[in-house]
């Protein structure tokens, strides 16, 4: 007797657990598991065209007939899955009531332009997943559902294998002529290198003149002084000294002038320069300039006689 009670208790427990799992599954799906009798809900799904080529749109339609006395007509909704096709926009929905009969039409415009939509061979087949219709009974607050299947959709290829084989390709990589150049790459590189080096040198010279103008001017003046004769440099030193007071620098410069004139053979002019250098009174710039003018004339005449 105790054994029979244990068996009955286990069977009842198994039924309760099974019922609870079924309710949990239905609750997760969003419905209470209530399936409408066939006379209360009717679903018809169609695809047009049934055969299409890759890239062309497809019209998917679902016609639903419900008994409005038992079913809330406004709660009828469709949740399809057209993967890998995609709707071009929201569906067009038409709701019409004929007394106790309600009709709902859902229309979708589908297209697929990615991998998985092309024909596998000369002709492929697309099979949409099972669709689901959701609604509510008027005397029940929870949702009910109705599953339906889509018809098969055949996808035809735009190009057959025979068409590909018959194509006469215009390009042939094996017969292309060798690459030619108007200017040899090595020669062009050398020319560009020379031009670049010349440009860099010109830029460096210009930068030197712009950034160190004083140095360039100083170098020029030094070259000019170097080209002047010793006699001219001696007169320059005598003229650059001051007239105020007795200037030892002027006396030494005039003595140098006298020595240079003596070496050139101008004895009278050399004597006059030495008198200016060592006279008791300091010589003036006018006296030195006068002597320089007469020395210039004398030198020019001597050089003409030598020529």
Protein backbone atom coordinates (compact mmCIF):
# COMPACT_ATOMS: atom_id res chain seq x y z
CA UNK A 1 0.00 0.00 0.00
CA UNK A 2 2.82 2.37 0.90
CA UNK A 3 4.60 1.53 -2.36
CA UNK A 4 1.53 2.45 -4.45
CA UNK A 5 1.21 5.76 -2.59
CA UNK A 6 4.83 6.57 -3.39
CA UNK A 7 4.31 5.83 -7.08
CA UNK A 8 1.15 7.98 -7.24
CA UNK A 9 2.91 10.84 -5.45
CA UNK A 10 5.87 10.71 -7.88
CA UNK A 11 3.56 10.72 -10.89
CA UNK A 12 1.64 13.74 -9.58
CA UNK A 13 4.91 15.56 -8.89
CA UNK A 14 6.13 14.84 -12.41
CA UNK A 15 2.92 16.23 -13.88
CA UNK A 16 3.18 19.38 -11.76
CA UNK A 17 6.81 19.96 -12.77
CA UNK A 18 6.00 19.36 -16.42
CA UNK A 19 3.08 21.77 -16.30
CA UNK A 20 5.25 24.41 -14.60
CA UNK A 21 7.98 24.08 -17.21
CA UNK A 22 5.42 24.42 -19.98
CA UNK A 23 4.02 27.58 -18.43
CA UNK A 24 7.52 29.00 -18.01
CA UNK A 25 8.31 28.36 -21.67
CA UNK A 26 5.08 29.97 -22.83
CA UNK A 27 5.57 32.95 -20.53
CA UNK A 28 9.04 33.47 -21.99
CA UNK A 29 7.52 33.53 -25.48
CA UNK A 30 5.05 36.19 -24.36
CA UNK A 31 1.89 34.06 -24.54
CA UNK A 32 -0.09 31.78 -22.30
CA UNK A 33 0.14 28.85 -24.72
CA UNK A 34 -3.43 29.23 -25.84
CA UNK A 35 -3.85 28.15 -29.42
CA UNK A 36 -6.92 29.37 -31.21
CA UNK A 37 -9.25 26.82 -32.74
CA UNK A 38 -8.97 26.68 -36.52
CA UNK A 39 -12.43 28.23 -36.92
CA UNK A 40 -11.39 31.36 -34.93
CA UNK A 41 -8.08 32.23 -36.75
CA UNK A 42 -6.95 31.61 -40.33
CA UNK A 43 -3.53 32.63 -41.70
CA UNK A 44 -2.47 32.57 -45.36
CA UNK A 45 1.06 33.64 -46.43
CA UNK A 46 2.09 34.28 -50.05
CA UNK A 47 5.27 35.44 -51.87
CA UNK A 48 5.19 37.18 -55.24
CA UNK A 49 6.87 36.36 -57.53
CA UNK A 50 7.58 32.81 -56.45
CA UNK A 51 10.66 32.78 -58.71
CA UNK A 52 12.86 35.87 -58.93
CA UNK A 53 16.41 36.79 -59.93
CA UNK A 54 19.03 38.15 -57.59
CA UNK A 55 18.45 41.81 -56.68
CA UNK A 56 14.76 41.99 -57.64
CA UNK A 57 12.24 42.90 -54.89
CA UNK A 58 9.76 40.37 -53.50
CA UNK A 59 6.26 41.11 -52.13
CA UNK A 60 5.33 39.16 -48.99
CA UNK A 61 1.65 39.15 -47.96
CA UNK A 62 -0.13 37.63 -44.98
CA UNK A 63 -3.94 37.48 -44.85
CA UNK A 64 -5.45 36.85 -41.39
CA UNK A 65 -9.14 36.07 -40.74
CA UNK A 66 -10.37 36.16 -37.12
CA UNK A 67 -13.69 35.82 -35.30
CA UNK A 68 -14.17 39.26 -33.77
CA UNK A 69 -16.70 37.86 -31.25
CA UNK A 70 -13.92 35.93 -29.50
CA UNK A 71 -10.72 37.75 -30.48
CA UNK A 72 -9.72 41.37 -29.88
CA UNK A 73 -9.42 42.60 -33.48
CA UNK A 74 -6.98 45.43 -32.68
CA UNK A 75 -4.54 43.07 -30.92
CA UNK A 76 -3.65 41.11 -34.08
CA UNK A 77 0.05 41.69 -34.89
CA UNK A 78 2.58 39.91 -37.08
CA UNK A 79 6.21 39.17 -36.18
CA UNK A 80 7.91 37.68 -39.27
CA UNK A 81 11.58 36.81 -39.83
CA UNK A 82 12.75 37.31 -43.44
CA UNK A 83 16.48 36.71 -42.85
CA UNK A 84 18.60 37.27 -44.99
CA UNK A 85 16.06 39.48 -46.83
CA UNK A 86 15.30 42.94 -45.45
CA UNK A 87 12.09 45.00 -45.62
CA UNK A 88 12.39 48.22 -47.61
CA UNK A 89 10.16 49.98 -45.10
CA UNK A 90 7.39 49.48 -42.56
CA UNK A 91 4.61 47.06 -43.56
CA UNK A 92 1.34 48.17 -45.04
CA UNK A 93 -1.53 47.01 -42.79
CA UNK A 94 -5.21 46.91 -43.79
CA UNK A 95 -7.95 46.03 -41.26
CA UNK A 96 -11.51 45.33 -42.42
CA UNK A 97 -14.52 43.99 -40.47
CA UNK A 98 -17.46 42.16 -41.97
CA UNK A 99 -19.85 41.67 -39.09
CA UNK A 100 -18.37 38.94 -36.88
CA UNK A 101 -15.46 38.38 -39.31
CA UNK A 102 -12.33 40.52 -39.26
CA UNK A 103 -9.69 40.58 -41.98
CA UNK A 104 -6.15 41.89 -41.55
CA UNK A 105 -3.62 42.08 -44.43
CA UNK A 106 0.09 42.63 -43.86
CA UNK A 107 2.20 43.56 -46.92
CA UNK A 108 6.02 43.74 -46.98
CA UNK A 109 8.42 44.77 -49.75
CA UNK A 110 11.60 42.66 -49.42
CA UNK A 111 15.02 42.86 -51.03
CA UNK A 112 18.35 41.12 -50.51
CA UNK A 113 21.64 42.31 -52.01
CA UNK A 114 24.20 40.58 -49.80
CA UNK A 115 25.86 37.21 -49.65
CA UNK A 116 23.43 34.36 -49.13
CA UNK A 117 20.76 35.77 -51.42
CA UNK A 118 22.29 34.70 -54.73
CA UNK A 119 21.46 31.45 -56.45
CA UNK A 120 23.70 28.60 -55.31
CA UNK A 121 23.76 27.09 -58.82
CA UNK A 122 21.49 27.69 -61.78
CA UNK A 123 18.61 28.05 -59.31
CA UNK A 124 18.54 28.26 -55.51
CA UNK A 125 15.81 28.16 -52.86
CA UNK A 126 15.18 30.56 -49.95
CA UNK A 127 13.15 29.21 -47.05
CA UNK A 128 11.95 31.80 -44.54
CA UNK A 129 11.64 30.87 -40.88
CA UNK A 130 8.22 30.07 -39.42
CA UNK A 131 6.16 33.21 -38.88
CA UNK A 132 4.26 34.04 -35.69
CA UNK A 133 0.93 35.82 -35.27
CA UNK A 134 0.07 37.34 -31.89
CA UNK A 135 -3.36 38.33 -30.59
CA UNK A 136 -5.59 38.28 -27.49
CA UNK A 137 -8.95 36.74 -26.66
CA UNK A 138 -11.52 39.18 -25.34
CA UNK A 139 -12.05 37.22 -22.11
CA UNK A 140 -8.32 36.69 -21.42
CA UNK A 141 -5.67 39.37 -20.77
CA UNK A 142 -2.69 37.29 -21.90
CA UNK A 143 -1.44 36.84 -25.47
CA UNK A 144 -2.11 33.89 -27.72
CA UNK A 145 -0.20 32.92 -30.87
CA UNK A 146 -0.61 31.20 -34.22
CA UNK A 147 2.35 29.85 -36.22
CA UNK A 148 2.38 29.71 -40.01
CA UNK A 149 4.81 28.74 -42.77
CA UNK A 150 5.98 30.69 -45.79
CA UNK A 151 6.04 29.14 -49.26
CA UNK A 152 9.42 28.39 -50.80
CA UNK A 153 11.06 31.20 -52.77
CA UNK A 154 13.16 30.21 -55.77
CA UNK A 155 16.10 32.41 -56.76
CA UNK A 156 17.31 32.27 -60.37
CA UNK A 157 20.77 33.32 -61.50
CA UNK A 158 21.12 36.20 -63.93
CA UNK A 159 24.07 34.56 -65.67
CA UNK A 160 24.27 30.88 -66.54
CA UNK A 161 27.51 28.89 -66.63
CA UNK A 162 27.26 28.63 -70.42
CA UNK A 163 27.10 32.43 -70.70
CA UNK A 164 30.31 32.79 -68.70
CA UNK A 165 32.08 30.21 -70.83
CA UNK A 166 31.07 31.98 -74.06
CA UNK A 167 32.38 35.38 -73.02
CA UNK A 168 35.26 36.58 -75.19
CA UNK A 169 37.55 38.47 -72.87
CA UNK A 170 39.23 41.51 -74.48
CA UNK A 171 42.23 41.77 -72.17
CA UNK A 172 45.11 39.30 -72.04
CA UNK A 173 47.83 39.91 -69.49
CA UNK A 174 50.31 37.64 -71.23
CA UNK A 175 50.40 39.77 -74.42
CA UNK A 176 50.78 43.20 -72.83
CA UNK A 177 53.78 45.19 -74.17
CA UNK A 178 56.71 45.87 -71.86
CA UNK A 179 56.69 49.04 -69.81
CA UNK A 180 58.38 51.99 -71.55
CA UNK A 181 59.57 55.37 -70.28
CA UNK A 182 59.99 58.72 -72.00
CA UNK A 183 62.94 59.38 -69.67
CA UNK A 184 64.89 56.55 -68.06
CA UNK A 185 64.24 56.43 -64.31
CA UNK A 186 67.97 56.46 -63.45
CA UNK A 187 68.68 59.45 -65.69
CA UNK A 188 65.70 61.37 -64.33
CA UNK A 189 66.86 60.65 -60.78
CA UNK A 190 70.36 61.98 -61.51
CA UNK A 191 69.02 65.16 -63.12
CA UNK A 192 66.72 65.78 -60.19
CA UNK A 193 69.62 65.18 -57.78
CA UNK A 194 71.80 67.75 -59.54
CA UNK A 195 68.96 70.28 -59.59
CA UNK A 196 68.32 69.66 -55.91
CA UNK A 197 72.00 70.17 -54.99
CA UNK A 198 72.19 73.37 -57.06
CA UNK A 199 69.05 74.71 -55.44
CA UNK A 200 70.39 73.87 -51.99
CA UNK A 201 73.68 75.68 -52.74
CA UNK A 202 71.90 78.78 -54.05
CA UNK A 203 69.65 78.79 -51.00
CA UNK A 204 72.65 78.51 -48.66
CA UNK A 205 74.45 81.41 -50.41
CA UNK A 206 71.37 83.60 -50.28
CA UNK A 207 70.82 82.75 -46.62
CA UNK A 208 74.45 83.66 -45.84
CA UNK A 209 74.07 87.06 -47.47
CA UNK A 210 70.75 87.71 -45.72
CA UNK A 211 71.82 86.53 -42.27
CA UNK A 212 75.44 87.88 -42.21
CA UNK A 213 75.45 91.07 -44.31
CA UNK A 214 78.04 92.76 -42.02
CA UNK A 215 80.50 89.89 -42.48
CA UNK A 216 80.17 90.06 -46.26
CA UNK A 217 80.68 93.84 -46.24
CA UNK A 218 83.68 93.47 -43.95
CA UNK A 219 85.22 90.85 -46.21
CA UNK A 220 84.72 93.15 -49.21
CA UNK A 221 86.36 96.11 -47.47
CA UNK A 222 89.33 93.95 -46.42
CA UNK A 223 89.82 92.84 -50.02
CA UNK A 224 89.68 96.45 -51.18
CA UNK A 225 92.32 97.49 -48.60
CA UNK A 226 94.53 94.59 -49.60
CA UNK A 227 94.50 95.77 -53.23
CA UNK A 228 95.63 99.36 -52.35
CA UNK A 229 99.32 100.16 -52.55
CA UNK A 230 101.52 100.74 -49.51
CA UNK A 231 101.82 104.44 -50.43
CA UNK A 232 98.05 104.85 -50.59
CA UNK A 233 97.62 103.07 -47.28
CA UNK A 234 100.22 105.39 -45.68
CA UNK A 235 98.36 108.51 -46.93
CA UNK A 236 95.08 107.03 -45.65
CA UNK A 237 96.56 106.58 -42.18
CA UNK A 238 97.89 110.18 -42.19
CA UNK A 239 94.56 111.65 -43.26
CA UNK A 240 92.54 109.64 -40.72
CA UNK A 241 94.42 111.07 -37.72
CA UNK A 242 93.04 114.11 -35.90
CA UNK A 243 94.23 117.73 -36.41
CA UNK A 244 93.92 118.55 -32.72
CA UNK A 245 97.28 118.51 -30.92
CA UNK A 246 100.54 116.87 -31.91
CA UNK A 247 99.62 113.43 -33.35
CA UNK A 248 102.37 110.78 -33.19
CA UNK A 249 100.30 108.53 -35.47
CA UNK A 250 100.30 111.20 -38.21
CA UNK A 251 104.03 111.77 -37.89
CA UNK A 252 104.73 108.02 -38.23
CA UNK A 253 102.32 107.80 -41.20
CA UNK A 254 104.06 110.74 -42.95
CA UNK A 255 107.47 109.16 -42.32
CA UNK A 256 106.14 106.02 -43.97
CA UNK A 257 104.94 108.17 -46.90
CA UNK A 258 108.44 109.70 -47.19
CA UNK A 259 110.05 106.24 -47.16
CA UNK A 260 107.69 104.91 -49.85
CA UNK A 261 108.31 107.98 -52.04
CA UNK A 262 112.08 107.61 -51.61
CA UNK A 263 111.90 103.96 -52.69
CA UNK A 264 109.93 105.02 -55.78
CA UNK A 265 112.57 107.64 -56.70
CA UNK A 266 110.63 110.80 -55.75
CA UNK A 267 113.41 112.42 -53.73
CA UNK A 268 111.97 115.98 -53.60
CA UNK A 269 108.48 114.75 -52.62
CA UNK A 270 109.98 112.39 -50.06
CA UNK A 271 111.93 115.28 -48.49
CA UNK A 272 108.77 117.42 -48.31
CA UNK A 273 106.84 114.54 -46.65
CA UNK A 274 109.63 114.07 -44.07
CA UNK A 275 109.62 117.81 -43.27
CA UNK A 276 105.86 117.60 -42.60
CA UNK A 277 106.42 114.53 -40.43
CA UNK A 278 109.08 116.07 -38.15
CA UNK A 279 108.42 119.82 -38.31
CA UNK A 280 108.21 121.61 -34.93
CA UNK A 281 104.55 122.40 -35.54
CA UNK A 282 102.04 119.62 -36.24
CA UNK A 283 100.97 119.28 -39.86
CA UNK A 284 97.33 119.76 -40.89
CA UNK A 285 95.03 117.57 -42.98
CA UNK A 286 95.06 120.22 -45.75
CA UNK A 287 98.86 119.99 -46.01
CA UNK A 288 98.74 116.17 -46.13
CA UNK A 289 95.95 116.23 -48.74
CA UNK A 290 97.91 118.75 -50.89
CA UNK A 291 100.98 116.53 -50.78
CA UNK A 292 98.83 113.48 -51.71
CA UNK A 293 97.45 115.30 -54.76
CA UNK A 294 100.94 116.31 -55.94
CA UNK A 295 102.25 112.78 -55.26
CA UNK A 296 99.42 111.32 -57.32
CA UNK A 297 100.27 113.56 -60.24
CA UNK A 298 103.98 112.77 -59.90
CA UNK A 299 103.39 109.00 -59.73
CA UNK A 300 101.12 109.10 -62.75
CA UNK A 301 103.76 111.00 -64.74
CA UNK A 302 106.52 108.53 -63.73
CA UNK A 303 104.38 105.55 -64.72
CA UNK A 304 103.69 107.16 -68.07
CA UNK A 305 107.43 107.69 -68.63
CA UNK A 306 108.11 104.05 -67.68
CA UNK A 307 105.47 102.84 -70.14
